[in-house]
Amino acid sequence: MENINYTPNDILQKEFRQKMRGYDPNDVDSFLDDIIKDYESFSKQVQSLEDENERLRIRVDELNKQVTVGGQSTMTRSNSSQPMSSATNMDILKRLSNLERRVFGSQLDGGNNDSHRL
């Protein structure tokens, strides 16, 4: 909006010099009235867009702060959760090993028992 030369009021109050062979003042005034209406409409639209732009910038800043805070808390959680994860993995491996011993051990014992029975 820095390159604006005239306000709607400037256009409305502009006086043109009249010459013998000039434009019809009524046509010029009518045309300038239409320009003023467009100019006011554009000014309102620009202001609305600037307001929306500012609102969106604030929202982006808020979301960036949340991501930054969330990223830091995720890093903190991941650092503290790795020992828990390895402990959980160790626990799962122990359970799996015990389960295999029970399932396959009984089959082997059953197979051994069957061979002893024969």
PDB file of N, CA and C in Angstrom:
ATOM      1  N   MET A   1       0.818  -1.184   0.000  1.00  0.00           N
ATOM      2  CA  MET A   1       0.000   0.000   0.000  1.00  0.00           C
ATOM      3  C   MET A   1       0.874   1.265   0.000  1.00  0.00           C
ATOM      4  N   GLU A   2       2.173   1.116  -0.160  1.00  0.00           N
ATOM      5  CA  GLU A   2       3.076   2.260  -0.140  1.00  0.00           C
ATOM      6  C   GLU A   2       2.995   3.078  -1.419  1.00  0.00           C
ATOM      7  N   ASN A   3       2.569   2.486  -2.527  1.00  0.00           N
ATOM      8  CA  ASN A   3       2.558   3.176  -3.817  1.00  0.00           C
ATOM      9  C   ASN A   3       1.236   3.859  -4.112  1.00  0.00           C
ATOM     10  N   ILE A   4       0.434   4.109  -3.134  1.00  0.00           N
ATOM     11  CA  ILE A   4      -0.873   4.730  -3.346  1.00  0.00           C
ATOM     12  C   ILE A   4      -0.698   6.244  -3.428  1.00  0.00           C
ATOM     13  N   ASN A   5      -1.179   6.789  -4.519  1.00  0.00           N
ATOM     14  CA  ASN A   5      -1.054   8.229  -4.725  1.00  0.00           C
ATOM     15  C   ASN A   5      -2.278   9.005  -4.255  1.00  0.00           C
ATOM     16  N   TYR A   6      -3.443   8.393  -4.365  1.00  0.00           N
ATOM     17  CA  TYR A   6      -4.673   9.120  -4.063  1.00  0.00           C
ATOM     18  C   TYR A   6      -5.568   8.304  -3.138  1.00  0.00           C
ATOM     19  N   THR A   7      -6.181   8.997  -2.231  1.00  0.00           N
ATOM     20  CA  THR A   7      -7.208   8.384  -1.389  1.00  0.00           C
ATOM     21  C   THR A   7      -8.546   8.555  -2.102  1.00  0.00           C
ATOM     22  N   PRO A   8      -9.563   7.831  -1.703  1.00  0.00           N
ATOM     23  CA  PRO A   8     -10.877   8.048  -2.324  1.00  0.00           C
ATOM     24  C   PRO A   8     -11.327   9.503  -2.211  1.00  0.00           C
ATOM     25  N   ASN A   9     -10.999  10.139  -1.113  1.00  0.00           N
ATOM     26  CA  ASN A   9     -11.380  11.535  -0.931  1.00  0.00           C
ATOM     27  C   ASN A   9     -10.620  12.452  -1.897  1.00  0.00           C
ATOM     28  N   ASP A  10      -9.328  12.136  -2.136  1.00  0.00           N
ATOM     29  CA  ASP A  10      -8.546  12.916  -3.107  1.00  0.00           C
ATOM     30  C   ASP A  10      -9.191  12.858  -4.491  1.00  0.00           C
ATOM     31  N   ILE A  11      -9.633  11.680  -4.876  1.00  0.00           N
ATOM     32  CA  ILE A  11     -10.259  11.516  -6.193  1.00  0.00           C
ATOM     33  C   ILE A  11     -11.578  12.282  -6.248  1.00  0.00           C
ATOM     34  N   LEU A  12     -12.336  12.186  -5.164  1.00  0.00           N
ATOM     35  CA  LEU A  12     -13.639  12.851  -5.127  1.00  0.00           C
ATOM     36  C   LEU A  12     -13.505  14.366  -5.237  1.00  0.00           C
ATOM     37  N   GLN A  13     -12.501  14.916  -4.615  1.00  0.00           N
ATOM     38  CA  GLN A  13     -12.360  16.372  -4.582  1.00  0.00           C
ATOM     39  C   GLN A  13     -11.494  16.937  -5.705  1.00  0.00           C
ATOM     40  N   LYS A  14     -11.012  16.106  -6.572  1.00  0.00           N
ATOM     41  CA  LYS A  14     -10.159  16.576  -7.671  1.00  0.00           C
ATOM     42  C   LYS A  14     -10.966  17.473  -8.612  1.00  0.00           C
ATOM     43  N   GLU A  15     -10.408  18.623  -8.910  1.00  0.00           N
ATOM     44  CA  GLU A  15     -11.021  19.572  -9.847  1.00  0.00           C
ATOM     45  C   GLU A  15     -10.144  19.627 -11.089  1.00  0.00           C
ATOM     46  N   PHE A  16     -10.771  19.517 -12.235  1.00  0.00           N
ATOM     47  CA  PHE A  16     -10.055  19.612 -13.500  1.00  0.00           C
ATOM     48  C   PHE A  16     -10.312  20.978 -14.126  1.00  0.00           C
ATOM     49  N   ARG A  17      -9.312  21.488 -14.774  1.00  0.00           N
ATOM     50  CA  ARG A  17      -9.479  22.754 -15.486  1.00  0.00           C
ATOM     51  C   ARG A  17     -10.326  22.512 -16.727  1.00  0.00           C
ATOM     52  N   GLN A  18     -11.171  23.427 -16.998  1.00  0.00           N
ATOM     53  CA  GLN A  18     -12.026  23.282 -18.177  1.00  0.00           C
ATOM     54  C   GLN A  18     -11.445  24.086 -19.327  1.00  0.00           C
ATOM     55  N   LYS A  19     -11.512  23.486 -20.486  1.00  0.00           N
ATOM     56  CA  LYS A  19     -11.062  24.157 -21.704  1.00  0.00           C
ATOM     57  C   LYS A  19     -12.219  24.163 -22.684  1.00  0.00           C
ATOM     58  N   MET A  20     -12.041  24.880 -23.682  1.00  0.00           N
ATOM     59  CA  MET A  20     -13.087  24.991 -24.678  1.00  0.00           C
ATOM     60  C   MET A  20     -13.445  23.632 -25.281  1.00  0.00           C
ATOM     61  N   ARG A  21     -12.442  22.893 -25.622  1.00  0.00           N
ATOM     62  CA  ARG A  21     -12.685  21.583 -26.214  1.00  0.00           C
ATOM     63  C   ARG A  21     -12.167  20.519 -25.254  1.00  0.00           C
ATOM     64  N   GLY A  22     -12.815  20.275 -24.197  1.00  0.00           N
ATOM     65  CA  GLY A  22     -12.388  19.269 -23.227  1.00  0.00           C
ATOM     66  C   GLY A  22     -13.408  18.166 -23.111  1.00  0.00           C
ATOM     67  N   TYR A  23     -13.206  17.360 -22.114  1.00  0.00           N
ATOM     68  CA  TYR A  23     -14.151  16.276 -21.844  1.00  0.00           C
ATOM     69  C   TYR A  23     -15.378  16.831 -21.152  1.00  0.00           C
ATOM     70  N   ASP A  24     -16.463  16.092 -21.270  1.00  0.00           N
ATOM     71  CA  ASP A  24     -17.693  16.478 -20.578  1.00  0.00           C
ATOM     72  C   ASP A  24     -17.482  16.277 -19.081  1.00  0.00           C
ATOM     73  N   PRO A  25     -17.594  17.338 -18.283  1.00  0.00           N
ATOM     74  CA  PRO A  25     -17.365  17.226 -16.841  1.00  0.00           C
ATOM     75  C   PRO A  25     -18.261  16.185 -16.171  1.00  0.00           C
ATOM     76  N   ASN A  26     -19.472  16.025 -16.645  1.00  0.00           N
ATOM     77  CA  ASN A  26     -20.376  15.028 -16.047  1.00  0.00           C
ATOM     78  C   ASN A  26     -19.872  13.603 -16.289  1.00  0.00           C
ATOM     79  N   ASP A  27     -19.328  13.340 -17.484  1.00  0.00           N
ATOM     80  CA  ASP A  27     -18.764  12.025 -17.774  1.00  0.00           C
ATOM     81  C   ASP A  27     -17.548  11.752 -16.896  1.00  0.00           C
ATOM     82  N   VAL A  28     -16.698  12.757 -16.766  1.00  0.00           N
ATOM     83  CA  VAL A  28     -15.497  12.597 -15.935  1.00  0.00           C
ATOM     84  C   VAL A  28     -15.897  12.349 -14.489  1.00  0.00           C
ATOM     85  N   ASP A  29     -16.837  13.126 -13.966  1.00  0.00           N
ATOM     86  CA  ASP A  29     -17.288  12.958 -12.583  1.00  0.00           C
ATOM     87  C   ASP A  29     -17.907  11.583 -12.361  1.00  0.00           C
ATOM     88  N   SER A  30     -18.707  11.141 -13.306  1.00  0.00           N
ATOM     89  CA  SER A  30     -19.346   9.828 -13.189  1.00  0.00           C
ATOM     90  C   SER A  30     -18.291   8.722 -13.179  1.00  0.00           C
ATOM     91  N   PHE A  31     -17.321   8.860 -14.077  1.00  0.00           N
ATOM     92  CA  PHE A  31     -16.251   7.861 -14.135  1.00  0.00           C
ATOM     93  C   PHE A  31     -15.440   7.856 -12.847  1.00  0.00           C
ATOM     94  N   LEU A  32     -15.107   9.031 -12.354  1.00  0.00           N
ATOM     95  CA  LEU A  32     -14.337   9.117 -11.112  1.00  0.00           C
ATOM     96  C   LEU A  32     -15.131   8.567  -9.915  1.00  0.00           C
ATOM     97  N   ASP A  33     -16.441   8.751  -9.916  1.00  0.00           N
ATOM     98  CA  ASP A  33     -17.279   8.174  -8.858  1.00  0.00           C
ATOM     99  C   ASP A  33     -17.168   6.647  -8.858  1.00  0.00           C
ATOM    100  N   ASP A  34     -17.171   6.055 -10.050  1.00  0.00           N
ATOM    101  CA  ASP A  34     -17.019   4.599 -10.148  1.00  0.00           C
ATOM    102  C   ASP A  34     -15.635   4.155  -9.678  1.00  0.00           C
ATOM    103  N   ILE A  35     -14.624   4.940 -10.017  1.00  0.00           N
ATOM    104  CA  ILE A  35     -13.260   4.627  -9.569  1.00  0.00           C
ATOM    105  C   ILE A  35     -13.177   4.684  -8.044  1.00  0.00           C
ATOM    106  N   ILE A  36     -13.808   5.672  -7.457  1.00  0.00           N
ATOM    107  CA  ILE A  36     -13.808   5.811  -5.997  1.00  0.00           C
ATOM    108  C   ILE A  36     -14.438   4.587  -5.345  1.00  0.00           C
ATOM    109  N   LYS A  37     -15.563   4.130  -5.894  1.00  0.00           N
ATOM    110  CA  LYS A  37     -16.221   2.940  -5.337  1.00  0.00           C
ATOM    111  C   LYS A  37     -15.298   1.728  -5.416  1.00  0.00           C
ATOM    112  N   ASP A  38     -14.653   1.550  -6.573  1.00  0.00           N
ATOM    113  CA  ASP A  38     -13.716   0.432  -6.718  1.00  0.00           C
ATOM    114  C   ASP A  38     -12.546   0.583  -5.759  1.00  0.00           C
ATOM    115  N   TYR A  39     -12.034   1.768  -5.657  1.00  0.00           N
ATOM    116  CA  TYR A  39     -10.887   2.054  -4.800  1.00  0.00           C
ATOM    117  C   TYR A  39     -11.222   1.732  -3.342  1.00  0.00           C
ATOM    118  N   GLU A  40     -12.390   2.147  -2.893  1.00  0.00           N
ATOM    119  CA  GLU A  40     -12.816   1.845  -1.518  1.00  0.00           C
ATOM    120  C   GLU A  40     -12.964   0.339  -1.320  1.00  0.00           C
ATOM    121  N   SER A  41     -13.517  -0.330  -2.320  1.00  0.00           N
ATOM    122  CA  SER A  41     -13.676  -1.778  -2.244  1.00  0.00           C
ATOM    123  C   SER A  41     -12.313  -2.465  -2.161  1.00  0.00           C
ATOM    124  N   PHE A  42     -11.366  -2.022  -3.001  1.00  0.00           N
ATOM    125  CA  PHE A  42     -10.022  -2.599  -2.963  1.00  0.00           C
ATOM    126  C   PHE A  42      -9.351  -2.331  -1.621  1.00  0.00           C
ATOM    127  N   SER A  43      -9.528  -1.141  -1.091  1.00  0.00           N
ATOM    128  CA  SER A  43      -8.929  -0.801   0.202  1.00  0.00           C
ATOM    129  C   SER A  43      -9.470  -1.704   1.309  1.00  0.00           C
ATOM    130  N   LYS A  44     -10.769  -1.956   1.298  1.00  0.00           N
ATOM    131  CA  LYS A  44     -11.369  -2.846   2.300  1.00  0.00           C
ATOM    132  C   LYS A  44     -10.836  -4.262   2.147  1.00  0.00           C
ATOM    133  N   GLN A  45     -10.715  -4.717   0.902  1.00  0.00           N
ATOM    134  CA  GLN A  45     -10.227  -6.067   0.657  1.00  0.00           C
ATOM    135  C   GLN A  45      -8.763  -6.202   1.094  1.00  0.00           C
ATOM    136  N   VAL A  46      -7.959  -5.204   0.790  1.00  0.00           N
ATOM    137  CA  VAL A  46      -6.553  -5.231   1.206  1.00  0.00           C
ATOM    138  C   VAL A  46      -6.458  -5.273   2.729  1.00  0.00           C
ATOM    139  N   GLN A  47      -7.247  -4.459   3.409  1.00  0.00           N
ATOM    140  CA  GLN A  47      -7.215  -4.440   4.870  1.00  0.00           C
ATOM    141  C   GLN A  47      -7.642  -5.792   5.434  1.00  0.00           C
ATOM    142  N   SER A  48      -8.677  -6.364   4.847  1.00  0.00           N
ATOM    143  CA  SER A  48      -9.147  -7.680   5.291  1.00  0.00           C
ATOM    144  C   SER A  48      -8.056  -8.739   5.113  1.00  0.00           C
ATOM    145  N   LEU A  49      -7.390  -8.716   3.978  1.00  0.00           N
ATOM    146  CA  LEU A  49      -6.318  -9.677   3.721  1.00  0.00           C
ATOM    147  C   LEU A  49      -5.120  -9.459   4.643  1.00  0.00           C
ATOM    148  N   GLU A  50      -4.805  -8.207   4.932  1.00  0.00           N
ATOM    149  CA  GLU A  50      -3.717  -7.924   5.868  1.00  0.00           C
ATOM    150  C   GLU A  50      -4.065  -8.433   7.263  1.00  0.00           C
ATOM    151  N   ASP A  51      -5.315  -8.254   7.682  1.00  0.00           N
ATOM    152  CA  ASP A  51      -5.749  -8.764   8.986  1.00  0.00           C
ATOM    153  C   ASP A  51      -5.663 -10.286   9.038  1.00  0.00           C
ATOM    154  N   GLU A  52      -6.138 -10.921   7.965  1.00  0.00           N
ATOM    155  CA  GLU A  52      -6.083 -12.387   7.913  1.00  0.00           C
ATOM    156  C   GLU A  52      -4.638 -12.872   7.901  1.00  0.00           C
ATOM    157  N   ASN A  53      -3.793 -12.189   7.166  1.00  0.00           N
ATOM    158  CA  ASN A  53      -2.376 -12.546   7.109  1.00  0.00           C
ATOM    159  C   ASN A  53      -1.744 -12.461   8.494  1.00  0.00           C
ATOM    160  N   GLU A  54      -2.034 -11.416   9.218  1.00  0.00           N
ATOM    161  CA  GLU A  54      -1.495 -11.262  10.573  1.00  0.00           C
ATOM    162  C   GLU A  54      -2.001 -12.368  11.494  1.00  0.00           C
ATOM    163  N   ARG A  55      -3.303 -12.670  11.380  1.00  0.00           N
ATOM    164  CA  ARG A  55      -3.882 -13.732  12.197  1.00  0.00           C
ATOM    165  C   ARG A  55      -3.208 -15.081  11.893  1.00  0.00           C
ATOM    166  N   LEU A  56      -2.964 -15.343  10.621  1.00  0.00           N
ATOM    167  CA  LEU A  56      -2.332 -16.602  10.227  1.00  0.00           C
ATOM    168  C   LEU A  56      -0.866 -16.653  10.661  1.00  0.00           C
ATOM    169  N   ARG A  57      -0.180 -15.530  10.615  1.00  0.00           N
ATOM    170  CA  ARG A  57       1.207 -15.499  11.095  1.00  0.00           C
ATOM    171  C   ARG A  57       1.272 -15.825  12.586  1.00  0.00           C
ATOM    172  N   ILE A  58       0.343 -15.258  13.337  1.00  0.00           N
ATOM    173  CA  ILE A  58       0.292 -15.542  14.777  1.00  0.00           C
ATOM    174  C   ILE A  58       0.030 -17.028  15.004  1.00  0.00           C
ATOM    175  N   ARG A  59      -0.886 -17.588  14.229  1.00  0.00           N
ATOM    176  CA  ARG A  59      -1.222 -19.017  14.363  1.00  0.00           C
ATOM    177  C   ARG A  59      -0.022 -19.899  14.014  1.00  0.00           C
ATOM    178  N   VAL A  60       0.710 -19.532  12.959  1.00  0.00           N
ATOM    179  CA  VAL A  60       1.905 -20.288  12.566  1.00  0.00           C
ATOM    180  C   VAL A  60       2.944 -20.233  13.686  1.00  0.00           C
ATOM    181  N   ASP A  61       3.127 -19.054  14.269  1.00  0.00           N
ATOM    182  CA  ASP A  61       4.069 -18.930  15.386  1.00  0.00           C
ATOM    183  C   ASP A  61       3.660 -19.819  16.547  1.00  0.00           C
ATOM    184  N   GLU A  62       2.364 -19.844  16.865  1.00  0.00           N
ATOM    185  CA  GLU A  62       1.872 -20.694  17.951  1.00  0.00           C
ATOM    186  C   GLU A  62       2.139 -22.162  17.648  1.00  0.00           C
ATOM    187  N   LEU A  63       1.851 -22.579  16.428  1.00  0.00           N
ATOM    188  CA  LEU A  63       2.052 -23.981  16.047  1.00  0.00           C
ATOM    189  C   LEU A  63       3.534 -24.345  16.035  1.00  0.00           C
ATOM    190  N   ASN A  64       4.387 -23.419  15.588  1.00  0.00           N
ATOM    191  CA  ASN A  64       5.823 -23.687  15.625  1.00  0.00           C
ATOM    192  C   ASN A  64       6.317 -23.850  17.051  1.00  0.00           C
ATOM    193  N   LYS A  65       5.796 -23.051  17.969  1.00  0.00           N
ATOM    194  CA  LYS A  65       6.167 -23.188  19.375  1.00  0.00           C
ATOM    195  C   LYS A  65       5.714 -24.532  19.915  1.00  0.00           C
ATOM    196  N   GLN A  66       4.502 -24.961  19.533  1.00  0.00           N
ATOM    197  CA  GLN A  66       4.004 -26.263  19.990  1.00  0.00           C
ATOM    198  C   GLN A  66       4.868 -27.400  19.448  1.00  0.00           C
ATOM    199  N   VAL A  67       5.266 -27.289  18.179  1.00  0.00           N
ATOM    200  CA  VAL A  67       6.112 -28.322  17.585  1.00  0.00           C
ATOM    201  C   VAL A  67       7.460 -28.357  18.286  1.00  0.00           C
ATOM    202  N   THR A  68       8.014 -27.184  18.567  1.00  0.00           N
ATOM    203  CA  THR A  68       9.300 -27.115  19.250  1.00  0.00           C
ATOM    204  C   THR A  68       9.197 -27.724  20.639  1.00  0.00           C
ATOM    205  N   VAL A  69       8.174 -27.352  21.375  1.00  0.00           N
ATOM    206  CA  VAL A  69       7.979 -27.892  22.722  1.00  0.00           C
ATOM    207  C   VAL A  69       7.683 -29.390  22.632  1.00  0.00           C
ATOM    208  N   GLY A  70       6.856 -29.789  21.680  1.00  0.00           N
ATOM    209  CA  GLY A  70       6.539 -31.207  21.499  1.00  0.00           C
ATOM    210  C   GLY A  70       7.763 -32.001  21.101  1.00  0.00           C
ATOM    211  N   GLY A  71       8.604 -31.434  20.253  1.00  0.00           N
ATOM    212  CA  GLY A  71       9.832 -32.113  19.834  1.00  0.00           C
ATOM    213  C   GLY A  71      10.791 -32.298  20.987  1.00  0.00           C
ATOM    214  N   GLN A  72      10.874 -31.285  21.849  1.00  0.00           N
ATOM    215  CA  GLN A  72      11.762 -31.404  23.005  1.00  0.00           C
ATOM    216  C   GLN A  72      11.234 -32.438  23.978  1.00  0.00           C
ATOM    217  N   SER A  73       9.921 -32.459  24.202  1.00  0.00           N
ATOM    218  CA  SER A  73       9.378 -33.436  25.135  1.00  0.00           C
ATOM    219  C   SER A  73       9.462 -34.834  24.549  1.00  0.00           C
ATOM    220  N   THR A  74       9.360 -34.973  23.206  1.00  0.00           N
ATOM    221  CA  THR A  74       9.509 -36.279  22.573  1.00  0.00           C
ATOM    222  C   THR A  74      10.939 -36.763  22.727  1.00  0.00           C
ATOM    223  N   MET A  75      11.899 -35.850  22.567  1.00  0.00           N
ATOM    224  CA  MET A  75      13.290 -36.241  22.731  1.00  0.00           C
ATOM    225  C   MET A  75      13.541 -36.673  24.157  1.00  0.00           C
ATOM    226  N   THR A  76      12.982 -35.949  25.101  1.00  0.00           N
ATOM    227  CA  THR A  76      13.149 -36.302  26.501  1.00  0.00           C
ATOM    228  C   THR A  76      12.512 -37.650  26.778  1.00  0.00           C
ATOM    229  N   ARG A  77      11.302 -37.841  26.236  1.00  0.00           N
ATOM    230  CA  ARG A  77      10.617 -39.113  26.432  1.00  0.00           C
ATOM    231  C   ARG A  77      11.361 -40.251  25.754  1.00  0.00           C
ATOM    232  N   SER A  78      11.892 -40.016  24.543  1.00  0.00           N
ATOM    233  CA  SER A  78      12.571 -41.095  23.840  1.00  0.00           C
ATOM    234  C   SER A  78      13.857 -41.471  24.558  1.00  0.00           C
ATOM    235  N   ASN A  79      14.552 -40.486  25.125  1.00  0.00           N
ATOM    236  CA  ASN A  79      15.759 -40.804  25.876  1.00  0.00           C
ATOM    237  C   ASN A  79      15.438 -41.615  27.111  1.00  0.00           C
ATOM    238  N   SER A  80      14.366 -41.259  27.803  1.00  0.00           N
ATOM    239  CA  SER A  80      14.016 -41.985  29.014  1.00  0.00           C
ATOM    240  C   SER A  80      13.304 -43.283  28.690  1.00  0.00           C
ATOM    241  N   SER A  81      12.702 -43.384  27.489  1.00  0.00           N
ATOM    242  CA  SER A  81      11.961 -44.594  27.163  1.00  0.00           C
ATOM    243  C   SER A  81      12.860 -45.671  26.580  1.00  0.00           C
ATOM    244  N   GLN A  82      14.043 -45.335  26.114  1.00  0.00           N
ATOM    245  CA  GLN A  82      14.917 -46.356  25.562  1.00  0.00           C
ATOM    246  C   GLN A  82      15.297 -47.405  26.597  1.00  0.00           C
ATOM    247  N   PRO A  83      15.692 -47.031  27.805  1.00  0.00           N
ATOM    248  CA  PRO A  83      15.961 -48.080  28.793  1.00  0.00           C
ATOM    249  C   PRO A  83      14.701 -48.901  29.083  1.00  0.00           C
ATOM    250  N   MET A  84      13.551 -48.236  29.125  1.00  0.00           N
ATOM    251  CA  MET A  84      12.318 -48.964  29.350  1.00  0.00           C
ATOM    252  C   MET A  84      12.052 -49.909  28.196  1.00  0.00           C
ATOM    253  N   SER A  85      12.323 -49.449  26.974  1.00  0.00           N
ATOM    254  CA  SER A  85      12.099 -50.261  25.790  1.00  0.00           C
ATOM    255  C   SER A  85      12.999 -51.478  25.805  1.00  0.00           C
ATOM    256  N   SER A  86      14.272 -51.302  26.149  1.00  0.00           N
ATOM    257  CA  SER A  86      15.174 -52.450  26.191  1.00  0.00           C
ATOM    258  C   SER A  86      14.776 -53.399  27.308  1.00  0.00           C
ATOM    259  N   ALA A  87      14.304 -52.860  28.433  1.00  0.00           N
ATOM    260  CA  ALA A  87      13.831 -53.731  29.507  1.00  0.00           C
ATOM    261  C   ALA A  87      12.599 -54.494  29.047  1.00  0.00           C
ATOM    262  N   THR A  88      11.736 -53.824  28.322  1.00  0.00           N
ATOM    263  CA  THR A  88      10.534 -54.477  27.808  1.00  0.00           C
ATOM    264  C   THR A  88      10.910 -55.529  26.782  1.00  0.00           C
ATOM    265  N   ASN A  89      11.864 -55.221  25.926  1.00  0.00           N
ATOM    266  CA  ASN A  89      12.324 -56.201  24.943  1.00  0.00           C
ATOM    267  C   ASN A  89      12.939 -57.410  25.631  1.00  0.00           C
ATOM    268  N   MET A  90      13.718 -57.178  26.662  1.00  0.00           N
ATOM    269  CA  MET A  90      14.327 -58.279  27.411  1.00  0.00           C
ATOM    270  C   MET A  90      13.246 -59.142  28.038  1.00  0.00           C
ATOM    271  N   ASP A  91      12.229 -58.493  28.578  1.00  0.00           N
ATOM    272  CA  ASP A  91      11.122 -59.228  29.200  1.00  0.00           C
ATOM    273  C   ASP A  91      10.391 -60.073  28.153  1.00  0.00           C
ATOM    274  N   ILE A  92      10.174 -59.510  26.984  1.00  0.00           N
ATOM    275  CA  ILE A  92       9.497 -60.238  25.904  1.00  0.00           C
ATOM    276  C   ILE A  92      10.337 -61.432  25.473  1.00  0.00           C
ATOM    277  N   LEU A  93      11.642 -61.230  25.356  1.00  0.00           N
ATOM    278  CA  LEU A  93      12.523 -62.339  24.961  1.00  0.00           C
ATOM    279  C   LEU A  93      12.495 -63.465  26.001  1.00  0.00           C
ATOM    280  N   LYS A  94      12.499 -63.107  27.257  1.00  0.00           N
ATOM    281  CA  LYS A  94      12.433 -64.126  28.316  1.00  0.00           C
ATOM    282  C   LYS A  94      11.123 -64.891  28.231  1.00  0.00           C
ATOM    283  N   ARG A  95      10.028 -64.179  28.052  1.00  0.00           N
ATOM    284  CA  ARG A  95       8.720 -64.834  27.944  1.00  0.00           C
ATOM    285  C   ARG A  95       8.668 -65.749  26.726  1.00  0.00           C
ATOM    286  N   LEU A  96       9.203 -65.275  25.614  1.00  0.00           N
ATOM    287  CA  LEU A  96       9.223 -66.076  24.400  1.00  0.00           C
ATOM    288  C   LEU A  96      10.067 -67.335  24.597  1.00  0.00           C
ATOM    289  N   SER A  97      11.201 -67.170  25.233  1.00  0.00           N
ATOM    290  CA  SER A  97      12.070 -68.320  25.502  1.00  0.00           C
ATOM    291  C   SER A  97      11.364 -69.337  26.383  1.00  0.00           C
ATOM    292  N   ASN A  98      10.706 -68.864  27.437  1.00  0.00           N
ATOM    293  CA  ASN A  98       9.957 -69.772  28.321  1.00  0.00           C
ATOM    294  C   ASN A  98       8.837 -70.471  27.566  1.00  0.00           C
ATOM    295  N   LEU A  99       8.154 -69.720  26.713  1.00  0.00           N
ATOM    296  CA  LEU A  99       7.069 -70.293  25.923  1.00  0.00           C
ATOM    297  C   LEU A  99       7.600 -71.356  24.966  1.00  0.00           C
ATOM    298  N   GLU A 100       8.720 -71.084  24.303  1.00  0.00           N
ATOM    299  CA  GLU A 100       9.323 -72.075  23.402  1.00  0.00           C
ATOM    300  C   GLU A 100       9.724 -73.331  24.164  1.00  0.00           C
ATOM    301  N   ARG A 101      10.307 -73.151  25.324  1.00  0.00           N
ATOM    302  CA  ARG A 101      10.689 -74.319  26.130  1.00  0.00           C
ATOM    303  C   ARG A 101       9.473 -75.164  26.460  1.00  0.00           C
ATOM    304  N   ARG A 102       8.382 -74.505  26.825  1.00  0.00           N
ATOM    305  CA  ARG A 102       7.182 -75.255  27.192  1.00  0.00           C
ATOM    306  C   ARG A 102       6.586 -75.976  25.990  1.00  0.00           C
ATOM    307  N   VAL A 103       6.491 -75.243  24.855  1.00  0.00           N
ATOM    308  CA  VAL A 103       5.871 -75.847  23.672  1.00  0.00           C
ATOM    309  C   VAL A 103       6.785 -76.887  23.051  1.00  0.00           C
ATOM    310  N   PHE A 104       7.992 -76.488  22.714  1.00  0.00           N
ATOM    311  CA  PHE A 104       8.894 -77.404  22.027  1.00  0.00           C
ATOM    312  C   PHE A 104       9.534 -78.396  22.988  1.00  0.00           C
ATOM    313  N   GLY A 105       9.716 -77.969  24.212  1.00  0.00           N
ATOM    314  CA  GLY A 105      10.286 -78.882  25.212  1.00  0.00           C
ATOM    315  C   GLY A 105       9.342 -80.050  25.464  1.00  0.00           C
ATOM    316  N   SER A 106       8.049 -79.780  25.538  1.00  0.00           N
ATOM    317  CA  SER A 106       7.096 -80.861  25.773  1.00  0.00           C
ATOM    318  C   SER A 106       7.012 -81.767  24.553  1.00  0.00           C
ATOM    319  N   GLN A 107       7.165 -81.203  23.375  1.00  0.00           N
ATOM    320  CA  GLN A 107       7.155 -82.032  22.167  1.00  0.00           C
ATOM    321  C   GLN A 107       8.400 -82.905  22.125  1.00  0.00           C
ATOM    322  N   LEU A 108       9.544 -82.297  22.486  1.00  0.00           N
ATOM    323  CA  LEU A 108      10.775 -83.083  22.502  1.00  0.00           C
ATOM    324  C   LEU A 108      10.711 -84.140  23.585  1.00  0.00           C
ATOM    325  N   ASP A 109      10.214 -83.721  24.746  1.00  0.00           N
ATOM    326  CA  ASP A 109      10.071 -84.694  25.826  1.00  0.00           C
ATOM    327  C   ASP A 109       9.072 -85.763  25.424  1.00  0.00           C
ATOM    328  N   GLY A 110       8.004 -85.325  24.751  1.00  0.00           N
ATOM    329  CA  GLY A 110       6.992 -86.270  24.270  1.00  0.00           C
ATOM    330  C   GLY A 110       7.596 -87.200  23.236  1.00  0.00           C
ATOM    331  N   GLY A 111       8.413 -86.649  22.355  1.00  0.00           N
ATOM    332  CA  GLY A 111       9.076 -87.466  21.345  1.00  0.00           C
ATOM    333  C   GLY A 111      10.068 -88.404  21.990  1.00  0.00           C
ATOM    334  N   ASN A 112      10.780 -87.915  22.995  1.00  0.00           N
ATOM    335  CA  ASN A 112      11.734 -88.757  23.708  1.00  0.00           C
ATOM    336  C   ASN A 112      10.996 -89.832  24.490  1.00  0.00           C
ATOM    337  N   ASN A 113       9.896 -89.403  25.074  1.00  0.00           N
ATOM    338  CA  ASN A 113       9.109 -90.367  25.840  1.00  0.00           C
ATOM    339  C   ASN A 113       8.548 -91.428  24.910  1.00  0.00           C
ATOM    340  N   ASP A 114       8.119 -91.021  23.703  1.00  0.00           N
ATOM    341  CA  ASP A 114       7.586 -91.974  22.744  1.00  0.00           C
ATOM    342  C   ASP A 114       8.661 -92.943  22.300  1.00  0.00           C
ATOM    343  N   SER A 115       9.867 -92.428  22.098  1.00  0.00           N
ATOM    344  CA  SER A 115      10.940 -93.318  21.658  1.00  0.00           C
ATOM    345  C   SER A 115      11.323 -94.250  22.801  1.00  0.00           C
ATOM    346  N   HIS A 116      11.210 -93.766  24.049  1.00  0.00           N
ATOM    347  CA  HIS A 116      11.504 -94.635  25.174  1.00  0.00           C
ATOM    348  C   HIS A 116      10.414 -95.673  25.316  1.00  0.00           C
ATOM    349  N   ARG A 117       9.201 -95.312  24.985  1.00  0.00           N
ATOM    350  CA  ARG A 117       8.097 -96.224  25.120  1.00  0.00           C
ATOM    351  C   ARG A 117       8.211 -97.356  24.101  1.00  0.00           C
ATOM    352  N   LEU A 118       8.757 -97.049  22.943  1.00  0.00           N
ATOM    353  CA  LEU A 118       8.880 -98.097  21.937  1.00  0.00           C
ATOM    354  C   LEU A 118       9.943 -99.015  22.351  1.00  0.00           C
TER     355      LEU A 118
END
